[in-house]
Amino acid sequence: MQENILTIGVASLSKIKARMKAAAHGQRDATPHFTFTSNEDLLRTLTPNRWGLLQAISGAGEIGVRELARRVGRDVKGVHTDAAVLVACGLIDKSDSGALSFPYSGVRVEFETLAKAA
């Protein structure tokens, strides 16, 4: 079975634009990516509770908020709020019927911190 893993990372706007330009010219990277423009944005968005939602929804197909809340052992209102943030930023999908989905079997997160030049 082929892995269907989403790589979430951090890149500058210039690197994001270069990747988009390459894709427009048919140079597609086989690895699906979701990119934040700063480590802070990534960490602000992927809180521990939201990370738990991504883990629970990975490979699950369409799932309702109540079922997702049951799977992660949280209240429906809190899961709804966190899922809405993930939908708004584009990490998970929401159907017209309200079902949530994440078309990947897993997630990989990559980011680095480098020393600032003096």
Protein backbone atom coordinates (compact mmCIF):
# COMPACT_ATOMS: atom_id res chain seq x y z
CA MET A 1 0.00 0.00 0.00
CA GLN A 2 1.35 3.41 -0.99
CA GLU A 3 1.70 5.99 1.75
CA ASN A 4 -0.60 8.95 1.48
CA ILE A 5 1.08 11.23 4.00
CA LEU A 6 0.60 15.00 4.11
CA THR A 7 3.77 16.92 4.94
CA ILE A 8 3.08 20.07 6.92
CA GLY A 9 5.94 22.52 6.98
CA VAL A 10 7.16 26.07 7.09
CA ALA A 11 8.55 27.97 4.11
CA SER A 12 9.06 31.53 3.01
CA LEU A 13 6.66 33.11 0.55
CA SER A 14 9.37 32.99 -2.11
CA LYS A 15 9.78 29.23 -1.67
CA ILE A 16 6.01 28.73 -1.74
CA LYS A 17 5.76 30.77 -4.95
CA ALA A 18 8.65 28.80 -6.50
CA ARG A 19 6.88 25.50 -5.69
CA MET A 20 3.63 26.82 -7.18
CA LYS A 21 5.45 28.03 -10.31
CA ALA A 22 7.15 24.64 -10.74
CA ALA A 23 3.79 22.88 -10.35
CA ALA A 24 2.24 25.17 -12.96
CA HIS A 25 4.99 24.06 -15.34
CA GLY A 26 4.28 20.37 -14.69
CA GLN A 27 7.05 19.78 -12.15
CA ARG A 28 4.95 18.22 -9.43
CA ASP A 29 6.34 16.98 -6.16
CA ALA A 30 4.84 13.57 -5.40
CA THR A 31 4.53 14.49 -1.72
CA PRO A 32 1.44 16.51 -0.80
CA HIS A 33 2.34 19.63 1.21
CA PHE A 34 0.59 22.13 3.43
CA THR A 35 2.79 25.11 4.17
CA PHE A 36 2.76 27.78 6.86
CA THR A 37 4.84 30.93 6.48
CA SER A 38 6.21 30.85 10.05
CA ASN A 39 6.89 28.42 12.86
CA GLU A 40 4.63 30.55 15.04
CA ASP A 41 1.67 30.16 12.66
CA LEU A 42 2.21 26.42 12.52
CA LEU A 43 2.36 26.08 16.32
CA ARG A 44 -0.58 28.47 16.85
CA THR A 45 -2.72 26.41 14.45
CA LEU A 46 -1.63 22.90 15.38
CA THR A 47 -2.40 22.97 19.08
CA PRO A 48 -2.29 19.61 20.89
CA ASN A 49 -6.10 19.28 20.65
CA ARG A 50 -6.12 20.02 16.92
CA TRP A 51 -3.22 17.64 16.37
CA GLY A 52 -5.34 14.99 18.09
CA LEU A 53 -8.18 15.71 15.66
CA LEU A 54 -5.85 15.24 12.69
CA GLN A 55 -4.66 11.94 14.13
CA ALA A 56 -8.22 10.74 14.69
CA ILE A 57 -9.52 11.80 11.28
CA SER A 58 -6.55 10.45 9.26
CA GLY A 59 -7.77 7.63 7.06
CA ALA A 60 -11.28 7.74 8.57
CA GLY A 61 -13.18 8.95 5.49
CA GLU A 62 -16.07 11.31 6.18
CA ILE A 63 -16.87 11.66 9.86
CA GLY A 64 -19.29 13.80 11.83
CA VAL A 65 -18.25 16.16 14.60
CA ARG A 66 -20.03 14.06 17.26
CA GLU A 67 -18.23 10.90 16.20
CA LEU A 68 -14.93 12.74 16.05
CA ALA A 69 -15.55 14.09 19.56
CA ARG A 70 -16.30 10.56 20.78
CA ARG A 71 -13.09 9.24 19.21
CA VAL A 72 -10.89 11.86 20.87
CA GLY A 73 -12.78 11.89 24.19
CA ARG A 74 -13.67 15.57 24.07
CA ASP A 75 -16.86 17.62 24.20
CA VAL A 76 -18.64 18.31 20.91
CA LYS A 77 -18.45 22.11 21.24
CA GLY A 78 -14.67 22.10 21.68
CA VAL A 79 -14.16 19.70 18.79
CA HIS A 80 -16.48 21.78 16.61
CA THR A 81 -14.46 24.93 17.41
CA ASP A 82 -11.10 23.27 16.70
CA ALA A 83 -12.40 21.57 13.55
CA ALA A 84 -13.68 24.93 12.29
CA VAL A 85 -10.15 26.36 12.57
CA LEU A 86 -8.72 23.39 10.65
CA VAL A 87 -11.41 23.77 7.97
CA ALA A 88 -10.84 27.55 7.72
CA CYS A 89 -7.11 27.14 7.14
CA GLY A 90 -7.67 24.33 4.64
CA LEU A 91 -6.20 21.39 6.53
CA ILE A 92 -9.45 19.42 6.64
CA ASP A 93 -12.49 19.45 4.39
CA LYS A 94 -16.13 19.92 5.34
CA SER A 95 -18.89 18.62 3.07
CA ASP A 96 -22.20 20.36 2.44
CA SER A 97 -23.76 17.89 4.89
CA GLY A 98 -21.29 18.97 7.61
CA ALA A 99 -19.14 15.82 7.55
CA LEU A 100 -15.42 16.32 8.02
CA SER A 101 -12.74 14.56 6.01
CA PHE A 102 -8.98 14.44 5.69
CA PRO A 103 -7.89 12.62 2.53
CA TYR A 104 -4.57 11.42 3.95
CA SER A 105 -3.58 8.38 5.97
CA GLY A 106 -1.18 10.38 8.12
CA VAL A 107 0.68 13.60 8.74
CA ARG A 108 4.35 14.53 8.91
CA VAL A 109 5.42 17.89 10.33
CA GLU A 110 8.73 19.48 9.36
CA PHE A 111 10.14 22.76 10.58
CA GLU A 112 13.46 24.03 11.80
CA THR A 113 14.91 26.80 13.87
CA LEU A 114 18.17 28.36 12.79
CA ALA A 115 20.42 30.76 14.69
CA LYS A 116 19.91 34.35 13.62
CA ALA A 117 22.87 36.13 12.07
CA ALA A 118 24.61 38.50 14.44
